[in-house]
Structures are given as C-alpha cells and as structure tokens.
C-alpha cells in the first residue's frame, strides 16, 4: 500500500465522501474504495455472525452505560488504541472457560 502524507487539518477524518472511505486506525488515516455490496446475498452463517456481533455491540453499549460496570471496563484499558467498548464486545463474543468449579462451600 502506498503511503501519502495528509494535511494535518484533515488527518483525523473518518467516514465516507463519495466513493472514498476515510478510516482512522491508531495513528494512521487510510483512504479506501467504498465497497459495493448491492446484490450480494449473504449466507445463513454470515447473517448469524452479523446478528451475534450486533448483540455484542448492544451489550457493550449497555455495559458502558452502567456506572459500575462501565468503570471496570474503563480501568482495563491500558494503552493507546485500546477502547473499553472493544473490550466489552470481546467479552461478549468469547465465552468464559471454566476449568474447575468448587461447590463444596
């Protein structure tokens, strides 16, 4: 991919303008062609995946809206480029793995 220097006044653009999409990731801004998805039929698995991701985003929005849970997610953020909403989505998508359960108490 070619690298170009962008005027600082438009360096943090994101969104679409005509057939071009501006995407800001970390400290870089990318200019991409807008994908043409007209007439594309999605498989059942793709639709299920989209629905699961939609539910994950709804969970993240509600979790971050809760004062206590939202504060926990914000404390987990450790570095630049990391977002509490992305961590909440990841927590929804990855089910916890229980190796051992002690019910003796």
C-alpha atoms as a PDB file:
ATOM      1  CA  UNK A   1       0.000   0.000   0.000  1.00  0.00           C
ATOM      2  CA  UNK A   2       1.333   3.428  -0.891  1.00  0.00           C
ATOM      3  CA  UNK A   3       1.844   5.879   1.919  1.00  0.00           C
ATOM      4  CA  UNK A   4       0.955   9.514   1.442  1.00  0.00           C
ATOM      5  CA  UNK A   5       1.212  12.479   3.743  1.00  0.00           C
ATOM      6  CA  UNK A   6      -2.072  14.118   4.604  1.00  0.00           C
ATOM      7  CA  UNK A   7      -2.588  17.728   5.526  1.00  0.00           C
ATOM      8  CA  UNK A   8      -2.885  17.913   9.345  1.00  0.00           C
ATOM      9  CA  UNK A   9      -6.250  19.663   9.056  1.00  0.00           C
ATOM     10  CA  UNK A  10      -7.827  16.505   7.578  1.00  0.00           C
ATOM     11  CA  UNK A  11      -5.610  13.956   9.305  1.00  0.00           C
ATOM     12  CA  UNK A  12      -8.280  12.662  11.664  1.00  0.00           C
ATOM     13  CA  UNK A  13     -11.090  12.298   9.120  1.00  0.00           C
ATOM     14  CA  UNK A  14     -13.266   9.230   9.287  1.00  0.00           C
ATOM     15  CA  UNK A  15     -16.371   8.357   7.323  1.00  0.00           C
ATOM     16  CA  UNK A  16     -17.236   8.416   3.642  1.00  0.00           C
ATOM     17  CA  UNK A  17     -17.067  11.027   0.949  1.00  0.00           C
ATOM     18  CA  UNK A  18     -18.406   9.915  -2.425  1.00  0.00           C
ATOM     19  CA  UNK A  19     -16.752   6.621  -3.392  1.00  0.00           C
ATOM     20  CA  UNK A  20     -13.911   7.082  -0.877  1.00  0.00           C
ATOM     21  CA  UNK A  21     -13.926   5.912   2.748  1.00  0.00           C
ATOM     22  CA  UNK A  22     -11.659   7.604   5.290  1.00  0.00           C
ATOM     23  CA  UNK A  23     -10.694   5.218   8.066  1.00  0.00           C
ATOM     24  CA  UNK A  24      -8.638   6.262  11.071  1.00  0.00           C
ATOM     25  CA  UNK A  25      -6.838   3.385  12.833  1.00  0.00           C
ATOM     26  CA  UNK A  26      -4.437   4.071  15.676  1.00  0.00           C
ATOM     27  CA  UNK A  27      -2.403   6.984  14.331  1.00  0.00           C
ATOM     28  CA  UNK A  28      -2.936   6.345  10.607  1.00  0.00           C
ATOM     29  CA  UNK A  29      -5.641   7.511   8.243  1.00  0.00           C
ATOM     30  CA  UNK A  30      -6.500   5.209   5.340  1.00  0.00           C
ATOM     31  CA  UNK A  31      -8.363   6.103   2.167  1.00  0.00           C
ATOM     32  CA  UNK A  32     -10.248   3.125   0.768  1.00  0.00           C
ATOM     33  CA  UNK A  33     -12.713   2.463  -2.014  1.00  0.00           C
ATOM     34  CA  UNK A  34     -16.258   2.142  -0.740  1.00  0.00           C
ATOM     35  CA  UNK A  35     -17.318  -1.472  -1.209  1.00  0.00           C
ATOM     36  CA  UNK A  36     -20.272  -2.122  -3.493  1.00  0.00           C
ATOM     37  CA  UNK A  37     -22.403  -4.732  -1.731  1.00  0.00           C
ATOM     38  CA  UNK A  38     -25.540  -4.308  -3.828  1.00  0.00           C
ATOM     39  CA  UNK A  39     -26.956  -7.618  -4.877  1.00  0.00           C
ATOM     40  CA  UNK A  40     -24.651  -9.618  -2.605  1.00  0.00           C
ATOM     41  CA  UNK A  41     -26.511 -12.481  -0.967  1.00  0.00           C
ATOM     42  CA  UNK A  42     -25.161 -13.368   2.452  1.00  0.00           C
ATOM     43  CA  UNK A  43     -25.103 -16.925   3.729  1.00  0.00           C
ATOM     44  CA  UNK A  44     -27.018 -18.016   6.812  1.00  0.00           C
ATOM     45  CA  UNK A  45     -23.734 -18.242   8.728  1.00  0.00           C
ATOM     46  CA  UNK A  46     -22.834 -14.658   7.738  1.00  0.00           C
ATOM     47  CA  UNK A  47     -26.243 -13.389   8.830  1.00  0.00           C
ATOM     48  CA  UNK A  48     -25.918 -15.255  12.140  1.00  0.00           C
ATOM     49  CA  UNK A  49     -22.461 -13.770  12.679  1.00  0.00           C
ATOM     50  CA  UNK A  50     -23.744 -10.264  11.941  1.00  0.00           C
ATOM     51  CA  UNK A  51     -26.584 -10.769  14.434  1.00  0.00           C
ATOM     52  CA  UNK A  52     -24.199 -12.029  17.126  1.00  0.00           C
ATOM     53  CA  UNK A  53     -21.935  -9.008  16.576  1.00  0.00           C
ATOM     54  CA  UNK A  54     -24.969  -6.696  16.744  1.00  0.00           C
ATOM     55  CA  UNK A  55     -25.893  -8.260  20.097  1.00  0.00           C
ATOM     56  CA  UNK A  56     -22.297  -7.811  21.285  1.00  0.00           C
ATOM     57  CA  UNK A  57     -22.409  -4.106  20.410  1.00  0.00           C
ATOM     58  CA  UNK A  58     -25.716  -3.740  22.283  1.00  0.00           C
ATOM     59  CA  UNK A  59     -24.180  -5.461  25.301  1.00  0.00           C
ATOM     60  CA  UNK A  60     -21.154  -3.152  25.172  1.00  0.00           C
ATOM     61  CA  UNK A  61     -23.372  -0.082  24.959  1.00  0.00           C
ATOM     62  CA  UNK A  62     -25.464  -1.149  27.945  1.00  0.00           C
ATOM     63  CA  UNK A  63     -22.427  -2.281  29.987  1.00  0.00           C
ATOM     64  CA  UNK A  64     -20.606   1.011  29.433  1.00  0.00           C
ATOM     65  CA  UNK A  65     -23.795   2.902  30.292  1.00  0.00           C
ATOM     66  CA  UNK A  66     -23.891   1.240  33.706  1.00  0.00           C
ATOM     67  CA  UNK A  67     -21.763   3.333  36.120  1.00  0.00           C
ATOM     68  CA  UNK A  68     -20.151   0.400  37.949  1.00  0.00           C
ATOM     69  CA  UNK A  69     -19.572  -1.980  35.029  1.00  0.00           C
ATOM     70  CA  UNK A  70     -18.531   0.868  32.730  1.00  0.00           C
ATOM     71  CA  UNK A  71     -15.900   2.000  35.223  1.00  0.00           C
ATOM     72  CA  UNK A  72     -14.493  -1.547  35.388  1.00  0.00           C
ATOM     73  CA  UNK A  73     -14.159  -1.676  31.602  1.00  0.00           C
ATOM     74  CA  UNK A  74     -12.532   1.774  31.510  1.00  0.00           C
ATOM     75  CA  UNK A  75      -9.955   0.657  34.100  1.00  0.00           C
ATOM     76  CA  UNK A  76      -8.984  -2.341  31.954  1.00  0.00           C
ATOM     77  CA  UNK A  77      -7.896  -0.048  29.103  1.00  0.00           C
ATOM     78  CA  UNK A  78      -4.110   0.042  29.310  1.00  0.00           C
ATOM     79  CA  UNK A  79      -2.754   1.703  26.198  1.00  0.00           C
ATOM     80  CA  UNK A  80      -3.425   3.897  23.206  1.00  0.00           C
ATOM     81  CA  UNK A  81      -5.717   2.429  20.591  1.00  0.00           C
ATOM     82  CA  UNK A  82      -7.483   0.253  23.146  1.00  0.00           C
ATOM     83  CA  UNK A  83     -11.131   1.064  23.831  1.00  0.00           C
ATOM     84  CA  UNK A  84     -13.430  -0.045  26.611  1.00  0.00           C
ATOM     85  CA  UNK A  85     -16.180  -0.745  24.068  1.00  0.00           C
ATOM     86  CA  UNK A  86     -13.916  -3.136  22.138  1.00  0.00           C
ATOM     87  CA  UNK A  87     -13.081  -4.999  25.347  1.00  0.00           C
ATOM     88  CA  UNK A  88     -16.790  -5.310  26.180  1.00  0.00           C
ATOM     89  CA  UNK A  89     -17.534  -6.665  22.688  1.00  0.00           C
ATOM     90  CA  UNK A  90     -14.693  -9.172  23.056  1.00  0.00           C
ATOM     91  CA  UNK A  91     -16.054 -10.300  26.430  1.00  0.00           C
ATOM     92  CA  UNK A  92     -19.460 -10.922  24.870  1.00  0.00           C
ATOM     93  CA  UNK A  93     -18.038 -12.810  21.888  1.00  0.00           C
ATOM     94  CA  UNK A  94     -15.666 -15.043  23.894  1.00  0.00           C
ATOM     95  CA  UNK A  95     -17.496 -17.175  26.401  1.00  0.00           C
ATOM     96  CA  UNK A  96     -15.633 -17.743  29.659  1.00  0.00           C
ATOM     97  CA  UNK A  97     -13.934 -21.112  30.031  1.00  0.00           C
ATOM     98  CA  UNK A  98     -14.457 -22.805  33.381  1.00  0.00           C
ATOM     99  CA  UNK A  99     -11.764 -25.374  34.115  1.00  0.00           C
ATOM    100  CA  UNK A 100     -12.842 -26.280  37.615  1.00  0.00           C
ATOM    101  CA  UNK A 101     -15.864 -25.486  39.754  1.00  0.00           C
ATOM    102  CA  UNK A 102     -15.757 -25.929  43.526  1.00  0.00           C
ATOM    103  CA  UNK A 103     -19.235 -26.251  45.057  1.00  0.00           C
ATOM    104  CA  UNK A 104     -18.098 -27.517  48.451  1.00  0.00           C
ATOM    105  CA  UNK A 105     -18.873 -24.279  50.321  1.00  0.00           C
END
